[in-house]
Amino acid sequence: MEFLIEGEGPTLLLAHGAGAAMDTPWMTALTAALTGHGLRVARFEFAYMAGRRTGGSKRPPPKVDQLQEEYRAAIAALAPEGPLFIGGKSMGGRVASLIADSAGVAGLVCLGYPFHPQGQPEKLRTEHLADLATPTLICQGTRDPFGTAEEVAGYALSDAIELHWLDDGDHDLKPRKRETGRTLDDYLAETAQFVANWIKHQAG
């Protein structure tokens, strides 16, 4: 398993979303912002995504049980010194949330959590979030089609979960500039600073 590791400080292990690799411009920009705030960021890819780099077909992600095992393997392979925080973009954050309690990590960071599939708000992916014990930060756009602010307000979520809302942000946290006067770069910078402050607080 290969990692992209940058920065110094408390370690945050990040997984990618379902359809995008670990080195997309979005992941790269966020990582740069996080390391600029004193974090060590490690990125990895699930096997199906890594396989696309070697000429593999663009097959969809495997069942979430397999992804959980791969995430556990990434934690074991990284074996950082000091507290470890895990998380990811969309699907990567969801997988991390499913193993966070049993993995014994210091905290969980989800960036655009997929509370339900797009266009299927009745198919919730929130059952385990009601009893989550790991300190958790979810950064979410208020108009995210996988879980808007209005929708999430009605969910039963653990008291261990803190939500950081980005006004008018979509699933990539991107706002409409004509509505907010803000850009994706603005929101990624804000998110990185909030995440870094939260992690440093949790790490003591």
Protein backbone atom coordinates (compact mmCIF):
# COMPACT_ATOMS: atom_id res chain seq x y z
CA MET A 1 0.00 0.00 0.00
CA GLU A 2 1.35 3.37 -1.02
CA PHE A 3 0.82 6.63 0.82
CA LEU A 4 1.23 10.29 -0.05
CA ILE A 5 2.54 11.83 3.18
CA GLU A 6 3.12 15.53 3.72
CA GLY A 7 3.66 17.87 6.63
CA GLU A 8 4.53 17.58 10.30
CA GLY A 9 2.28 17.40 13.35
CA PRO A 10 -0.67 15.28 14.42
CA THR A 11 -1.43 12.67 11.75
CA LEU A 12 -4.63 12.69 9.69
CA LEU A 13 -5.12 9.66 7.42
CA LEU A 14 -7.47 10.43 4.52
CA ALA A 15 -9.24 8.20 2.01
CA HIS A 16 -10.72 9.40 -1.28
CA GLY A 17 -14.28 9.47 -2.54
CA ALA A 18 -15.92 6.76 -4.64
CA GLY A 19 -14.99 8.11 -8.06
CA ALA A 20 -11.88 10.21 -7.53
CA ALA A 21 -8.29 9.29 -6.71
CA MET A 22 -6.20 10.45 -3.76
CA ASP A 23 -4.30 13.01 -5.84
CA THR A 24 -7.17 14.95 -7.41
CA PRO A 25 -6.85 18.75 -7.39
CA TRP A 26 -9.45 18.86 -4.58
CA MET A 27 -7.57 16.42 -2.33
CA THR A 28 -4.24 18.04 -3.16
CA ALA A 29 -5.47 21.55 -2.40
CA LEU A 30 -7.03 20.51 0.89
CA THR A 31 -3.90 18.62 1.91
CA ALA A 32 -1.74 21.67 1.20
CA ALA A 33 -4.02 23.80 3.34
CA LEU A 34 -4.03 21.26 6.18
CA THR A 35 -0.26 20.89 6.23
CA GLY A 36 -0.01 24.67 6.25
CA HIS A 37 -1.86 24.59 9.57
CA GLY A 38 0.54 22.16 11.19
CA LEU A 39 -0.85 18.73 10.37
CA ARG A 40 0.79 15.62 8.93
CA VAL A 41 -1.54 14.33 6.23
CA ALA A 42 -1.32 10.82 4.79
CA ARG A 43 -3.42 9.88 1.77
CA PHE A 44 -4.04 6.36 0.44
CA GLU A 45 -6.16 4.61 -2.15
CA PHE A 46 -8.43 1.62 -1.90
CA ALA A 47 -7.36 -1.26 -4.13
CA TYR A 48 -10.03 -0.74 -6.78
CA MET A 49 -8.88 2.86 -7.31
CA ALA A 50 -5.18 1.98 -7.24
CA GLY A 51 -5.92 -0.67 -9.87
CA ARG A 52 -7.07 1.99 -12.31
CA ARG A 53 -3.52 3.36 -12.39
CA THR A 54 -2.20 0.07 -13.76
CA GLY A 55 -4.68 -0.25 -16.59
CA GLY A 56 -7.46 -1.82 -14.57
CA SER A 57 -11.05 -1.29 -15.55
CA LYS A 58 -13.04 1.49 -13.98
CA ARG A 59 -15.01 -0.87 -11.83
CA PRO A 60 -17.13 0.52 -9.01
CA PRO A 61 -16.09 0.31 -5.38
CA PRO A 62 -16.45 -3.12 -3.75
CA LYS A 63 -18.80 -3.78 -0.85
CA VAL A 64 -18.26 -1.56 2.13
CA ASP A 65 -17.13 -4.50 4.29
CA GLN A 66 -14.09 -4.95 2.06
CA LEU A 67 -13.35 -1.24 2.15
CA GLN A 68 -13.43 -1.32 5.94
CA GLU A 69 -10.80 -4.06 5.97
CA GLU A 70 -8.65 -2.09 3.54
CA TYR A 71 -8.91 0.98 5.74
CA ARG A 72 -7.84 -1.08 8.76
CA ALA A 73 -4.87 -2.31 6.74
CA ALA A 74 -3.93 1.27 5.90
CA ILE A 75 -3.95 2.18 9.60
CA ALA A 76 -1.73 -0.79 10.40
CA ALA A 77 0.67 -0.01 7.55
CA LEU A 78 0.97 3.67 8.46
CA ALA A 79 1.51 2.97 12.18
CA PRO A 80 2.17 6.59 13.11
CA GLU A 81 3.65 7.73 16.38
CA GLY A 82 1.25 9.71 18.54
CA PRO A 83 -2.51 10.16 18.12
CA LEU A 84 -4.04 9.16 14.79
CA PHE A 85 -7.04 10.84 13.21
CA ILE A 86 -8.78 9.19 10.28
CA GLY A 87 -11.35 10.27 7.74
CA GLY A 88 -11.86 11.08 4.12
CA LYS A 89 -13.84 12.64 1.34
CA SER A 90 -17.42 11.36 0.96
CA MET A 91 -17.21 7.54 0.75
CA GLY A 92 -13.76 7.58 2.36
CA GLY A 93 -15.18 9.37 5.37
CA ARG A 94 -18.10 6.98 5.57
CA VAL A 95 -15.80 3.96 5.60
CA ALA A 96 -13.64 5.59 8.28
CA SER A 97 -16.74 6.27 10.37
CA LEU A 98 -17.67 2.59 10.30
CA ILE A 99 -14.35 1.50 11.83
CA ALA A 100 -13.46 4.51 14.00
CA ASP A 101 -14.71 3.12 17.32
CA SER A 102 -13.18 -0.33 16.91
CA ALA A 103 -9.91 1.10 15.54
CA GLY A 104 -9.35 3.15 18.69
CA VAL A 105 -8.36 6.32 16.84
CA ALA A 106 -8.20 9.76 18.43
CA GLY A 107 -10.78 11.28 16.12
CA LEU A 108 -12.67 11.17 12.84
CA VAL A 109 -12.93 13.84 10.12
CA CYS A 110 -15.54 13.48 7.36
CA LEU A 111 -15.53 15.89 4.43
CA GLY A 112 -18.88 15.89 2.67
CA TYR A 113 -20.47 12.90 4.41
CA PRO A 114 -22.84 10.87 2.18
CA PHE A 115 -25.77 10.65 4.56
CA HIS A 116 -27.80 9.03 1.75
CA PRO A 117 -27.35 8.31 -1.96
CA GLN A 118 -28.05 11.31 -4.19
CA GLY A 119 -31.75 11.51 -4.95
CA GLN A 120 -32.61 8.78 -2.43
CA PRO A 121 -33.06 10.52 0.93
CA GLU A 122 -34.99 7.53 2.28
CA LYS A 123 -31.90 5.29 2.10
CA LEU A 124 -30.06 6.65 5.13
CA ARG A 125 -26.47 5.73 6.01
CA THR A 126 -26.75 7.05 9.54
CA GLU A 127 -27.59 4.12 11.82
CA HIS A 128 -24.07 3.76 13.20
CA LEU A 129 -23.75 7.51 13.67
CA ALA A 130 -26.32 7.50 16.46
CA ASP A 131 -23.99 5.57 18.79
CA LEU A 132 -20.59 6.73 17.53
CA ALA A 133 -18.24 7.29 20.47
CA THR A 134 -15.16 8.61 18.65
CA PRO A 135 -14.87 12.42 18.60
CA THR A 136 -16.05 13.33 15.11
CA LEU A 137 -16.04 16.41 12.89
CA ILE A 138 -18.21 16.49 9.78
CA CYS A 139 -17.67 19.39 7.37
CA GLN A 140 -20.71 19.66 5.14
CA GLY A 141 -22.11 22.05 2.56
CA THR A 142 -25.63 23.24 3.39
CA ARG A 143 -26.89 22.24 -0.09
CA ASP A 144 -25.02 18.94 -0.33
CA PRO A 145 -27.30 16.58 -2.32
CA PHE A 146 -26.08 13.70 -0.15
CA GLY A 147 -27.35 15.44 3.00
CA THR A 148 -28.52 19.04 3.19
CA ALA A 149 -28.63 21.12 6.36
CA GLU A 150 -32.40 20.71 6.52
CA GLU A 151 -32.19 16.94 6.15
CA VAL A 152 -29.38 16.43 8.64
CA ALA A 153 -31.21 18.48 11.27
CA GLY A 154 -33.72 15.63 11.52
CA TYR A 155 -31.20 12.80 11.96
CA ALA A 156 -30.36 11.10 15.26
CA LEU A 157 -26.63 11.73 15.61
CA SER A 158 -24.29 11.00 18.50
CA ASP A 159 -23.27 13.80 20.83
CA ALA A 160 -19.68 12.95 19.81
CA ILE A 161 -20.35 14.44 16.36
CA GLU A 162 -19.72 18.11 15.63
CA LEU A 163 -21.02 19.56 12.37
CA HIS A 164 -19.27 22.43 10.62
CA TRP A 165 -21.58 23.87 7.97
CA LEU A 166 -20.38 25.74 4.90
CA ASP A 167 -23.11 28.06 3.68
CA ASP A 168 -24.31 27.15 0.16
CA GLY A 169 -21.59 24.51 -0.22
CA ASP A 170 -22.22 21.46 -2.42
CA HIS A 171 -20.81 17.94 -1.99
CA ASP A 172 -17.33 19.29 -2.72
CA LEU A 173 -18.00 22.16 -0.28
CA LYS A 174 -18.08 24.53 -3.26
CA PRO A 175 -20.37 27.57 -2.90
CA ARG A 176 -22.00 29.55 -5.68
CA LYS A 177 -19.97 32.73 -5.89
CA ARG A 178 -22.95 34.75 -7.09
CA GLU A 179 -24.83 33.73 -3.94
CA THR A 180 -22.06 33.99 -1.35
CA GLY A 181 -19.20 35.99 -2.82
CA ARG A 182 -16.97 33.05 -1.80
CA THR A 183 -15.04 30.50 -3.83
CA LEU A 184 -14.07 26.85 -3.36
CA ASP A 185 -10.56 27.96 -2.44
CA ASP A 186 -12.03 30.16 0.28
CA TYR A 187 -14.03 27.27 1.69
CA LEU A 188 -11.15 24.78 1.52
CA ALA A 189 -8.98 27.26 3.42
CA GLU A 190 -11.71 27.75 6.03
CA THR A 191 -12.27 24.02 6.32
CA ALA A 192 -8.57 23.28 6.72
CA GLN A 193 -8.17 25.81 9.49
CA PHE A 194 -11.26 24.51 11.31
CA VAL A 195 -10.12 20.89 10.96
CA ALA A 196 -6.60 21.68 12.14
CA ASN A 197 -7.84 23.60 15.18
CA TRP A 198 -10.24 20.78 16.04
CA ILE A 199 -7.58 18.08 15.71
CA LYS A 200 -5.07 20.00 17.82
CA HIS A 201 -7.72 20.47 20.49
CA GLN A 202 -8.54 16.77 20.49
CA ALA A 203 -4.86 15.82 20.53
CA GLY A 204 -4.30 18.03 23.57
